[in-house]
Amino acid sequence: AAQPDQAGPTPPDANGQPQPADELARLRDELAAVRNELAAVRSELAAARDQALRATADLKNYQNRTRREREEERKFAELALICDLLPVLDNVQRAIAAAQNQADANSLLEGFRLVAQQLDAILARHHCAPIDALGQPLDPHRHAAMMQQPTADYPPGTVMEVVQQGYLLHDRVIRPAQVIVAQAPPSPESQQ
C-alpha cells in the first residue's frame, strides 16, 4: 500500500483548505529556505564586518603614516636652505681667517661683499626678496615707521631711510622694513 507522503499531495478538504500533511511539508520547505537565507545573510554580515574592520585599520594606518610624514617634512623643512647657507658660512670663516693673517681691510670688505651677494642669491632662490622701501610712500603693511624726520629732499609720508631691510617670502611680509619717514620741514613762520 502506498503511503500518503509518496503518493503526492492529498486533495484539499471540503472547505478548500490543504490537508495538514501538505501544510506541514510546505512549512518545512519554507523553514529550510528561511534558514538558508539566514545563513547567507549571516555570512554577508560577517564579511561586511570584516571589511569594515579592515577599512578602519587601513584608515588608521594611513592617518598614522601621513602624520609621521608631516612630522618628517616639518623636521627637515629647512634642509634646502641650510644646505645653501653652509657654503656662505664657509666663506665667512675664510674671510675671518684671511683678515687675521692680513691687515688689508679692503680685501676683508670685498670678501664680505661677496658673502652678501651669495646670501642675496640664496634668498632669491628660496623666493625671499627684499622689500623696496626707499623713496616709496609709507605702506603700513610692508613698512614699520621708526620715526619721522623733517626734510625737503622727500615728499611728506615717503620713506627717506631704511634702518633695517624688510623681506617678503613669495608675497607675504616676513619682516617689515624699519624706516624713517619724511615729514614736511617746519615753515619759517612756525619757527618764530
N, C-alpha and C. Protein backbone atom coordinates (compact mmCIF):
# COMPACT_ATOMS: atom_id res chain seq x y z
N ALA A 1 0.84 -1.17 0.00
CA ALA A 1 0.00 0.00 0.00
C ALA A 1 0.89 1.23 0.00
N ALA A 2 0.52 2.17 -0.79
CA ALA A 2 1.28 3.41 -0.90
C ALA A 2 0.99 4.30 0.28
N GLN A 3 2.01 4.97 0.73
CA GLN A 3 1.82 5.89 1.84
C GLN A 3 1.46 7.26 1.26
N PRO A 4 0.72 8.04 2.05
CA PRO A 4 0.24 9.32 1.54
C PRO A 4 1.37 10.25 1.15
N ASP A 5 2.56 10.24 1.84
CA ASP A 5 3.65 11.16 1.51
C ASP A 5 4.21 10.87 0.14
N GLN A 6 4.21 9.62 -0.28
CA GLN A 6 4.79 9.24 -1.54
C GLN A 6 3.81 9.35 -2.69
N ALA A 7 2.57 9.35 -2.39
CA ALA A 7 1.56 9.38 -3.43
C ALA A 7 1.32 10.77 -3.94
N GLY A 8 1.92 11.79 -3.30
CA GLY A 8 1.70 13.16 -3.72
C GLY A 8 0.76 13.86 -2.78
N PRO A 9 0.43 15.10 -3.06
CA PRO A 9 -0.41 15.85 -2.14
C PRO A 9 -1.81 15.25 -2.07
N THR A 10 -2.31 15.37 -0.89
CA THR A 10 -3.69 14.90 -0.71
C THR A 10 -4.62 15.99 -1.15
N PRO A 11 -5.77 15.61 -1.63
CA PRO A 11 -6.71 16.64 -2.10
C PRO A 11 -7.18 17.52 -0.94
N PRO A 12 -7.51 18.80 -1.22
CA PRO A 12 -7.98 19.70 -0.17
C PRO A 12 -9.25 19.13 0.47
N ASP A 13 -9.47 19.60 1.69
CA ASP A 13 -10.69 19.14 2.37
C ASP A 13 -11.89 19.81 1.76
N ALA A 14 -13.03 19.59 2.36
CA ALA A 14 -14.29 20.09 1.80
C ALA A 14 -14.36 21.60 1.78
N ASN A 15 -13.64 22.27 2.64
CA ASN A 15 -13.65 23.74 2.68
C ASN A 15 -12.59 24.35 1.76
N GLY A 16 -11.83 23.53 1.09
CA GLY A 16 -10.79 24.01 0.17
C GLY A 16 -9.46 24.26 0.87
N GLN A 17 -9.34 23.90 2.12
CA GLN A 17 -8.10 24.07 2.89
C GLN A 17 -7.19 22.89 2.62
N PRO A 18 -5.84 23.11 2.59
CA PRO A 18 -4.94 21.99 2.38
C PRO A 18 -4.98 21.05 3.58
N GLN A 19 -4.64 19.84 3.32
CA GLN A 19 -4.60 18.82 4.37
C GLN A 19 -3.41 19.12 5.28
N PRO A 20 -3.46 18.73 6.56
CA PRO A 20 -2.38 19.04 7.50
C PRO A 20 -1.04 18.49 7.04
N ALA A 21 -0.95 17.36 6.41
CA ALA A 21 0.34 16.81 5.98
C ALA A 21 0.96 17.69 4.91
N ASP A 22 0.15 18.18 4.00
CA ASP A 22 0.65 19.08 2.95
C ASP A 22 1.11 20.41 3.55
N GLU A 23 0.35 20.90 4.48
CA GLU A 23 0.69 22.18 5.12
C GLU A 23 2.01 22.04 5.88
N LEU A 24 2.22 20.95 6.57
CA LEU A 24 3.44 20.70 7.32
C LEU A 24 4.64 20.61 6.37
N ALA A 25 4.51 19.95 5.25
CA ALA A 25 5.59 19.83 4.28
C ALA A 25 5.95 21.20 3.71
N ARG A 26 4.93 22.00 3.39
CA ARG A 26 5.15 23.34 2.86
C ARG A 26 5.88 24.21 3.89
N LEU A 27 5.45 24.12 5.16
CA LEU A 27 6.09 24.91 6.22
C LEU A 27 7.54 24.48 6.43
N ARG A 28 7.79 23.15 6.32
CA ARG A 28 9.16 22.67 6.46
C ARG A 28 10.03 23.23 5.32
N ASP A 29 9.49 23.25 4.12
CA ASP A 29 10.23 23.79 2.98
C ASP A 29 10.52 25.28 3.18
N GLU A 30 9.53 26.04 3.65
CA GLU A 30 9.71 27.47 3.90
C GLU A 30 10.76 27.69 4.98
N LEU A 31 10.67 26.85 6.04
CA LEU A 31 11.63 26.97 7.12
C LEU A 31 13.05 26.70 6.62
N ALA A 32 13.22 25.70 5.79
CA ALA A 32 14.54 25.39 5.23
C ALA A 32 15.04 26.56 4.37
N ALA A 33 14.14 27.16 3.58
CA ALA A 33 14.53 28.31 2.74
C ALA A 33 14.93 29.50 3.61
N VAL A 34 14.15 29.75 4.68
CA VAL A 34 14.46 30.86 5.58
C VAL A 34 15.79 30.62 6.27
N ARG A 35 16.05 29.37 6.69
CA ARG A 35 17.34 29.06 7.32
C ARG A 35 18.50 29.28 6.33
N ASN A 36 18.30 28.89 5.08
CA ASN A 36 19.34 29.11 4.06
C ASN A 36 19.60 30.61 3.85
N GLU A 37 18.50 31.37 3.80
CA GLU A 37 18.62 32.83 3.64
C GLU A 37 19.33 33.43 4.85
N LEU A 38 18.97 32.97 6.06
CA LEU A 38 19.57 33.47 7.28
C LEU A 38 21.08 33.16 7.29
N ALA A 39 21.44 31.97 6.88
CA ALA A 39 22.87 31.61 6.82
C ALA A 39 23.60 32.50 5.82
N ALA A 40 22.96 32.79 4.67
CA ALA A 40 23.59 33.65 3.66
C ALA A 40 23.74 35.08 4.20
N VAL A 41 22.70 35.58 4.90
CA VAL A 41 22.75 36.93 5.46
C VAL A 41 23.83 37.01 6.54
N ARG A 42 23.91 35.97 7.38
CA ARG A 42 24.96 35.96 8.42
C ARG A 42 26.35 35.96 7.78
N SER A 43 26.51 35.21 6.73
CA SER A 43 27.79 35.16 6.03
C SER A 43 28.13 36.53 5.45
N GLU A 44 27.12 37.18 4.82
CA GLU A 44 27.34 38.53 4.26
C GLU A 44 27.66 39.52 5.37
N LEU A 45 26.96 39.41 6.51
CA LEU A 45 27.20 40.31 7.63
C LEU A 45 28.61 40.13 8.18
N ALA A 46 29.05 38.89 8.31
CA ALA A 46 30.41 38.64 8.78
C ALA A 46 31.43 39.21 7.81
N ALA A 47 31.18 39.05 6.51
CA ALA A 47 32.09 39.60 5.51
C ALA A 47 32.11 41.13 5.58
N ALA A 48 30.92 41.73 5.76
CA ALA A 48 30.83 43.20 5.85
C ALA A 48 31.55 43.70 7.10
N ARG A 49 31.39 43.00 8.24
CA ARG A 49 32.10 43.39 9.46
C ARG A 49 33.61 43.29 9.25
N ASP A 50 34.03 42.22 8.64
CA ASP A 50 35.46 42.04 8.37
C ASP A 50 35.98 43.16 7.47
N GLN A 51 35.19 43.49 6.45
CA GLN A 51 35.60 44.56 5.53
C GLN A 51 35.64 45.90 6.26
N ALA A 52 34.66 46.15 7.14
CA ALA A 52 34.63 47.40 7.89
C ALA A 52 35.84 47.49 8.83
N LEU A 53 36.18 46.39 9.50
CA LEU A 53 37.33 46.37 10.39
C LEU A 53 38.62 46.62 9.62
N ARG A 54 38.73 45.99 8.44
CA ARG A 54 39.92 46.20 7.61
C ARG A 54 40.00 47.66 7.14
N ALA A 55 38.85 48.23 6.73
CA ALA A 55 38.84 49.61 6.27
C ALA A 55 39.22 50.56 7.41
N THR A 56 38.72 50.29 8.62
CA THR A 56 39.07 51.11 9.78
C THR A 56 40.56 51.01 10.07
N ALA A 57 41.09 49.80 10.03
CA ALA A 57 42.53 49.60 10.27
C ALA A 57 43.35 50.31 9.18
N ASP A 58 42.92 50.20 7.93
CA ASP A 58 43.63 50.87 6.83
C ASP A 58 43.62 52.38 7.03
N LEU A 59 42.47 52.92 7.45
CA LEU A 59 42.36 54.36 7.67
C LEU A 59 43.29 54.80 8.80
N LYS A 60 43.31 54.05 9.89
CA LYS A 60 44.21 54.40 11.00
C LYS A 60 45.67 54.32 10.56
N ASN A 61 46.01 53.30 9.80
CA ASN A 61 47.38 53.18 9.30
C ASN A 61 47.73 54.35 8.39
N TYR A 62 46.79 54.75 7.52
CA TYR A 62 47.00 55.89 6.62
C TYR A 62 47.20 57.17 7.44
N GLN A 63 46.34 57.39 8.45
CA GLN A 63 46.46 58.59 9.27
C GLN A 63 47.80 58.61 10.00
N ASN A 64 48.21 57.47 10.55
CA ASN A 64 49.50 57.41 11.25
C ASN A 64 50.65 57.66 10.29
N ARG A 65 50.57 57.08 9.09
CA ARG A 65 51.64 57.25 8.10
C ARG A 65 51.73 58.72 7.67
N THR A 66 50.58 59.36 7.39
CA THR A 66 50.61 60.77 6.95
C THR A 66 51.08 61.67 8.09
N ARG A 67 50.71 61.35 9.35
CA ARG A 67 51.18 62.13 10.49
C ARG A 67 52.71 62.03 10.59
N ARG A 68 53.23 60.81 10.45
CA ARG A 68 54.69 60.63 10.51
C ARG A 68 55.37 61.38 9.36
N GLU A 69 54.78 61.32 8.16
CA GLU A 69 55.37 62.01 7.01
C GLU A 69 55.37 63.52 7.22
N ARG A 70 54.25 64.07 7.77
CA ARG A 70 54.19 65.51 8.05
C ARG A 70 55.24 65.90 9.09
N GLU A 71 55.38 65.09 10.13
CA GLU A 71 56.39 65.38 11.14
C GLU A 71 57.79 65.35 10.53
N GLU A 72 58.02 64.39 9.67
CA GLU A 72 59.33 64.27 9.00
C GLU A 72 59.57 65.49 8.10
N GLU A 73 58.53 65.92 7.37
CA GLU A 73 58.68 67.09 6.50
C GLU A 73 58.97 68.34 7.32
N ARG A 74 58.23 68.51 8.44
CA ARG A 74 58.47 69.67 9.29
C ARG A 74 59.89 69.63 9.87
N LYS A 75 60.30 68.45 10.26
CA LYS A 75 61.62 68.29 10.88
C LYS A 75 62.74 68.70 9.93
N PHE A 76 62.58 68.39 8.63
CA PHE A 76 63.63 68.69 7.66
C PHE A 76 63.21 69.75 6.65
N ALA A 77 62.25 70.59 7.01
CA ALA A 77 61.76 71.62 6.08
C ALA A 77 62.86 72.60 5.69
N GLU A 78 63.76 72.88 6.60
CA GLU A 78 64.81 73.86 6.34
C GLU A 78 66.03 73.26 5.66
N LEU A 79 65.98 71.99 5.31
CA LEU A 79 67.14 71.30 4.78
C LEU A 79 67.74 72.00 3.56
N ALA A 80 66.90 72.36 2.59
CA ALA A 80 67.41 73.00 1.37
C ALA A 80 68.07 74.34 1.70
N LEU A 81 67.44 75.11 2.58
CA LEU A 81 68.01 76.41 2.95
C LEU A 81 69.34 76.22 3.68
N ILE A 82 69.38 75.29 4.60
CA ILE A 82 70.62 75.04 5.35
C ILE A 82 71.74 74.62 4.41
N CYS A 83 71.42 73.71 3.49
CA CYS A 83 72.45 73.26 2.53
C CYS A 83 72.96 74.43 1.69
N ASP A 84 72.08 75.36 1.34
CA ASP A 84 72.50 76.52 0.57
C ASP A 84 73.33 77.50 1.42
N LEU A 85 73.06 77.56 2.72
CA LEU A 85 73.76 78.52 3.58
C LEU A 85 75.15 78.03 4.02
N LEU A 86 75.37 76.75 4.03
CA LEU A 86 76.66 76.24 4.50
C LEU A 86 77.86 76.78 3.71
N PRO A 87 77.79 76.87 2.38
CA PRO A 87 78.92 77.47 1.66
C PRO A 87 79.15 78.94 2.04
N VAL A 88 78.08 79.66 2.36
CA VAL A 88 78.23 81.05 2.79
C VAL A 88 78.98 81.09 4.11
N LEU A 89 78.60 80.21 5.02
CA LEU A 89 79.30 80.14 6.30
C LEU A 89 80.79 79.82 6.08
N ASP A 90 81.05 78.90 5.15
CA ASP A 90 82.44 78.58 4.82
C ASP A 90 83.19 79.83 4.37
N ASN A 91 82.55 80.63 3.51
CA ASN A 91 83.19 81.85 3.00
C ASN A 91 83.41 82.88 4.10
N VAL A 92 82.47 83.00 5.03
CA VAL A 92 82.63 83.93 6.16
C VAL A 92 83.83 83.49 6.99
N GLN A 93 83.93 82.20 7.25
CA GLN A 93 85.05 81.69 8.04
C GLN A 93 86.38 81.92 7.32
N ARG A 94 86.39 81.75 6.00
CA ARG A 94 87.61 82.02 5.22
C ARG A 94 87.98 83.50 5.30
N ALA A 95 86.96 84.38 5.21
CA ALA A 95 87.22 85.82 5.28
C ALA A 95 87.78 86.20 6.64
N ILE A 96 87.26 85.59 7.69
CA ILE A 96 87.76 85.88 9.04
C ILE A 96 89.21 85.41 9.16
N ALA A 97 89.48 84.21 8.66
CA ALA A 97 90.85 83.68 8.72
C ALA A 97 91.80 84.56 7.91
N ALA A 98 91.36 85.02 6.75
CA ALA A 98 92.22 85.87 5.91
C ALA A 98 92.45 87.22 6.60
N ALA A 99 91.43 87.75 7.27
CA ALA A 99 91.57 89.05 7.94
C ALA A 99 92.55 88.95 9.10
N GLN A 100 92.59 87.79 9.74
CA GLN A 100 93.53 87.62 10.86
C GLN A 100 94.98 87.58 10.36
N ASN A 101 95.18 87.10 9.14
CA ASN A 101 96.53 87.00 8.58
C ASN A 101 96.97 88.25 7.85
N GLN A 102 96.02 89.13 7.51
CA GLN A 102 96.35 90.33 6.74
C GLN A 102 95.80 91.55 7.47
N ALA A 103 96.43 92.63 7.24
CA ALA A 103 95.95 93.88 7.81
C ALA A 103 95.15 94.67 6.78
N ASP A 104 94.94 94.09 5.60
CA ASP A 104 94.26 94.79 4.50
C ASP A 104 92.75 94.75 4.68
N ALA A 105 92.17 95.86 5.05
CA ALA A 105 90.73 95.93 5.28
C ALA A 105 89.95 95.87 3.97
N ASN A 106 90.56 96.30 2.86
CA ASN A 106 89.86 96.27 1.58
C ASN A 106 89.55 94.84 1.13
N SER A 107 90.49 93.92 1.34
CA SER A 107 90.22 92.53 0.94
C SER A 107 89.16 91.92 1.84
N LEU A 108 89.17 92.30 3.11
CA LEU A 108 88.12 91.82 4.02
C LEU A 108 86.76 92.36 3.59
N LEU A 109 86.72 93.64 3.26
CA LEU A 109 85.47 94.25 2.80
C LEU A 109 84.98 93.57 1.52
N GLU A 110 85.87 93.30 0.60
CA GLU A 110 85.49 92.64 -0.65
C GLU A 110 84.97 91.23 -0.37
N GLY A 111 85.61 90.53 0.56
CA GLY A 111 85.14 89.19 0.93
C GLY A 111 83.73 89.22 1.48
N PHE A 112 83.44 90.19 2.32
CA PHE A 112 82.10 90.29 2.88
C PHE A 112 81.07 90.74 1.85
N ARG A 113 81.49 91.54 0.88
CA ARG A 113 80.58 91.89 -0.22
C ARG A 113 80.18 90.64 -1.00
N LEU A 114 81.17 89.77 -1.26
CA LEU A 114 80.87 88.52 -1.97
C LEU A 114 79.93 87.63 -1.16
N VAL A 115 80.14 87.59 0.14
CA VAL A 115 79.26 86.80 1.01
C VAL A 115 77.84 87.36 0.97
N ALA A 116 77.72 88.69 1.02
CA ALA A 116 76.40 89.32 0.97
C ALA A 116 75.70 89.01 -0.36
N GLN A 117 76.46 89.05 -1.47
CA GLN A 117 75.87 88.70 -2.76
C GLN A 117 75.41 87.24 -2.78
N GLN A 118 76.22 86.38 -2.19
CA GLN A 118 75.87 84.96 -2.13
C GLN A 118 74.59 84.76 -1.31
N LEU A 119 74.49 85.46 -0.18
CA LEU A 119 73.27 85.36 0.64
C LEU A 119 72.05 85.88 -0.11
N ASP A 120 72.19 87.00 -0.81
CA ASP A 120 71.08 87.54 -1.59
C ASP A 120 70.61 86.53 -2.64
N ALA A 121 71.56 85.87 -3.30
CA ALA A 121 71.20 84.87 -4.33
C ALA A 121 70.47 83.69 -3.71
N ILE A 122 70.92 83.25 -2.53
CA ILE A 122 70.25 82.12 -1.86
C ILE A 122 68.84 82.51 -1.46
N LEU A 123 68.68 83.69 -0.88
CA LEU A 123 67.34 84.14 -0.50
C LEU A 123 66.42 84.22 -1.73
N ALA A 124 66.93 84.74 -2.82
CA ALA A 124 66.12 84.82 -4.05
C ALA A 124 65.73 83.43 -4.54
N ARG A 125 66.66 82.49 -4.45
CA ARG A 125 66.38 81.12 -4.89
C ARG A 125 65.27 80.49 -4.02
N HIS A 126 65.17 80.94 -2.78
CA HIS A 126 64.15 80.43 -1.86
C HIS A 126 62.93 81.37 -1.81
N HIS A 127 62.77 82.18 -2.85
CA HIS A 127 61.61 83.06 -3.03
C HIS A 127 61.49 84.12 -1.94
N CYS A 128 62.63 84.54 -1.41
CA CYS A 128 62.66 85.59 -0.39
C CYS A 128 63.28 86.82 -1.04
N ALA A 129 62.54 87.92 -1.03
CA ALA A 129 63.01 89.13 -1.71
C ALA A 129 62.97 90.31 -0.75
N PRO A 130 63.91 91.23 -0.89
CA PRO A 130 63.87 92.42 -0.04
C PRO A 130 62.70 93.32 -0.45
N ILE A 131 62.17 94.03 0.53
CA ILE A 131 61.09 94.99 0.27
C ILE A 131 61.73 96.28 -0.22
N ASP A 132 61.28 96.76 -1.36
CA ASP A 132 61.78 98.02 -1.92
C ASP A 132 61.06 99.15 -1.18
N ALA A 133 61.76 99.84 -0.29
CA ALA A 133 61.11 100.84 0.55
C ALA A 133 61.59 102.27 0.28
N LEU A 134 62.87 102.44 0.02
CA LEU A 134 63.44 103.77 -0.11
C LEU A 134 62.75 104.57 -1.22
N GLY A 135 62.25 105.75 -0.85
CA GLY A 135 61.59 106.63 -1.81
C GLY A 135 60.14 106.25 -2.08
N GLN A 136 59.64 105.21 -1.43
CA GLN A 136 58.26 104.77 -1.63
C GLN A 136 57.36 105.41 -0.57
N PRO A 137 56.08 105.59 -0.89
CA PRO A 137 55.15 106.07 0.15
C PRO A 137 55.06 105.03 1.27
N LEU A 138 54.90 105.50 2.50
CA LEU A 138 54.82 104.61 3.65
C LEU A 138 53.65 103.64 3.46
N ASP A 139 53.92 102.36 3.55
CA ASP A 139 52.90 101.31 3.46
C ASP A 139 52.92 100.54 4.78
N PRO A 140 51.90 100.71 5.62
CA PRO A 140 51.93 100.07 6.95
C PRO A 140 51.93 98.54 6.89
N HIS A 141 51.61 97.98 5.74
CA HIS A 141 51.64 96.52 5.59
C HIS A 141 53.05 96.01 5.32
N ARG A 142 53.92 96.91 4.81
CA ARG A 142 55.28 96.50 4.45
C ARG A 142 56.36 97.25 5.22
N HIS A 143 56.00 98.39 5.81
CA HIS A 143 56.98 99.24 6.48
C HIS A 143 56.57 99.46 7.93
N ALA A 144 57.56 99.51 8.81
CA ALA A 144 57.34 99.89 10.20
C ALA A 144 58.06 101.22 10.41
N ALA A 145 57.31 102.29 10.59
CA ALA A 145 57.90 103.62 10.75
C ALA A 145 58.53 103.72 12.14
N MET A 146 59.82 103.99 12.17
CA MET A 146 60.54 104.13 13.44
C MET A 146 60.44 105.57 13.95
N MET A 147 60.43 106.50 13.00
CA MET A 147 60.32 107.92 13.37
C MET A 147 60.04 108.73 12.11
N GLN A 148 59.69 109.97 12.32
CA GLN A 148 59.53 110.92 11.22
C GLN A 148 60.63 111.96 11.35
N GLN A 149 61.07 112.43 10.20
CA GLN A 149 62.16 113.40 10.22
C GLN A 149 61.85 114.49 9.19
N PRO A 150 61.95 115.75 9.59
CA PRO A 150 61.68 116.83 8.64
C PRO A 150 62.77 116.86 7.56
N THR A 151 62.34 117.00 6.32
CA THR A 151 63.28 117.10 5.20
C THR A 151 62.58 117.73 4.01
N ALA A 152 63.37 118.38 3.20
CA ALA A 152 62.84 118.94 1.95
C ALA A 152 63.21 118.03 0.78
N ASP A 153 64.03 117.00 1.04
CA ASP A 153 64.51 116.12 -0.03
C ASP A 153 63.47 115.09 -0.48
N TYR A 154 62.52 114.76 0.38
CA TYR A 154 61.48 113.77 0.05
C TYR A 154 60.11 114.35 0.36
N PRO A 155 59.09 113.95 -0.39
CA PRO A 155 57.74 114.40 -0.08
C PRO A 155 57.30 113.83 1.28
N PRO A 156 56.47 114.53 2.02
CA PRO A 156 55.99 114.03 3.31
C PRO A 156 55.30 112.66 3.13
N GLY A 157 55.52 111.77 4.10
CA GLY A 157 54.91 110.44 4.05
C GLY A 157 55.70 109.44 3.21
N THR A 158 56.89 109.85 2.76
CA THR A 158 57.73 108.98 1.93
C THR A 158 58.88 108.43 2.77
N VAL A 159 59.26 107.19 2.48
CA VAL A 159 60.40 106.59 3.18
C VAL A 159 61.67 107.26 2.71
N MET A 160 62.38 107.87 3.67
CA MET A 160 63.61 108.57 3.31
C MET A 160 64.86 107.79 3.72
N GLU A 161 64.70 106.80 4.62
CA GLU A 161 65.84 105.99 5.03
C GLU A 161 65.32 104.62 5.52
N VAL A 162 66.06 103.58 5.15
CA VAL A 162 65.73 102.23 5.61
C VAL A 162 66.72 101.90 6.73
N VAL A 163 66.19 101.72 7.93
CA VAL A 163 67.02 101.40 9.09
C VAL A 163 67.36 99.91 9.10
N GLN A 164 66.36 99.08 8.79
CA GLN A 164 66.56 97.63 8.69
C GLN A 164 65.75 97.11 7.51
N GLN A 165 66.40 96.35 6.65
CA GLN A 165 65.76 95.82 5.44
C GLN A 165 64.61 94.88 5.81
N GLY A 166 63.49 95.02 5.09
CA GLY A 166 62.37 94.10 5.25
C GLY A 166 62.39 93.07 4.14
N TYR A 167 61.68 91.94 4.36
CA TYR A 167 61.70 90.86 3.38
C TYR A 167 60.32 90.26 3.17
N LEU A 168 60.11 89.78 1.94
CA LEU A 168 58.90 89.07 1.55
C LEU A 168 59.27 87.62 1.26
N LEU A 169 58.41 86.70 1.65
CA LEU A 169 58.54 85.31 1.22
C LEU A 169 57.36 85.08 0.31
N HIS A 170 57.65 84.86 -0.96
CA HIS A 170 56.63 84.88 -2.02
C HIS A 170 55.97 86.25 -1.94
N ASP A 171 54.71 86.35 -1.54
CA ASP A 171 54.07 87.66 -1.45
C ASP A 171 53.70 88.02 -0.01
N ARG A 172 54.21 87.27 0.96
CA ARG A 172 53.90 87.51 2.37
C ARG A 172 55.08 88.24 3.04
N VAL A 173 54.75 89.28 3.81
CA VAL A 173 55.78 90.00 4.55
C VAL A 173 56.23 89.11 5.71
N ILE A 174 57.53 88.80 5.73
CA ILE A 174 58.05 88.02 6.85
C ILE A 174 58.77 88.92 7.85
N ARG A 175 59.20 90.09 7.38
CA ARG A 175 59.74 91.10 8.27
C ARG A 175 59.54 92.45 7.60
N PRO A 176 58.77 93.34 8.22
CA PRO A 176 58.58 94.65 7.61
C PRO A 176 59.88 95.46 7.67
N ALA A 177 60.03 96.35 6.72
CA ALA A 177 61.21 97.22 6.70
C ALA A 177 61.04 98.28 7.78
N GLN A 178 62.07 98.48 8.58
CA GLN A 178 62.05 99.55 9.58
C GLN A 178 62.59 100.80 8.90
N VAL A 179 61.75 101.84 8.91
CA VAL A 179 62.07 103.01 8.09
C VAL A 179 61.92 104.32 8.86
N ILE A 180 62.57 105.33 8.30
CA ILE A 180 62.36 106.71 8.75
C ILE A 180 61.57 107.40 7.65
N VAL A 181 60.52 108.08 8.06
CA VAL A 181 59.58 108.67 7.11
C VAL A 181 59.78 110.18 7.04
N ALA A 182 59.73 110.69 5.83
CA ALA A 182 59.91 112.14 5.62
C ALA A 182 58.70 112.89 6.15
N GLN A 183 59.01 114.02 6.73
CA GLN A 183 57.99 114.92 7.24
C GLN A 183 58.27 116.30 6.65
N ALA A 184 57.24 117.04 6.42
CA ALA A 184 57.44 118.38 5.85
C ALA A 184 58.31 119.20 6.81
N PRO A 185 59.28 119.94 6.26
CA PRO A 185 60.10 120.77 7.15
C PRO A 185 59.24 121.87 7.77
N PRO A 186 59.64 122.30 8.92
CA PRO A 186 58.85 123.37 9.55
C PRO A 186 58.91 124.64 8.69
N SER A 187 57.80 125.30 8.64
CA SER A 187 57.75 126.54 7.86
C SER A 187 58.49 127.63 8.64
N PRO A 188 59.03 128.62 7.89
CA PRO A 188 59.77 129.70 8.59
C PRO A 188 58.89 130.42 9.58
N GLU A 189 57.59 130.52 9.32
CA GLU A 189 56.72 131.24 10.25
C GLU A 189 56.58 130.50 11.57
N SER A 190 56.59 129.14 11.52
CA SER A 190 56.38 128.36 12.74
C SER A 190 57.63 128.37 13.62
N GLN A 191 58.76 128.76 13.06
CA GLN A 191 60.00 128.78 13.85
C GLN A 191 60.13 130.08 14.64
N GLN A 192 59.34 131.05 14.32
CA GLN A 192 59.44 132.34 15.03
C GLN A 192 58.60 132.38 16.25
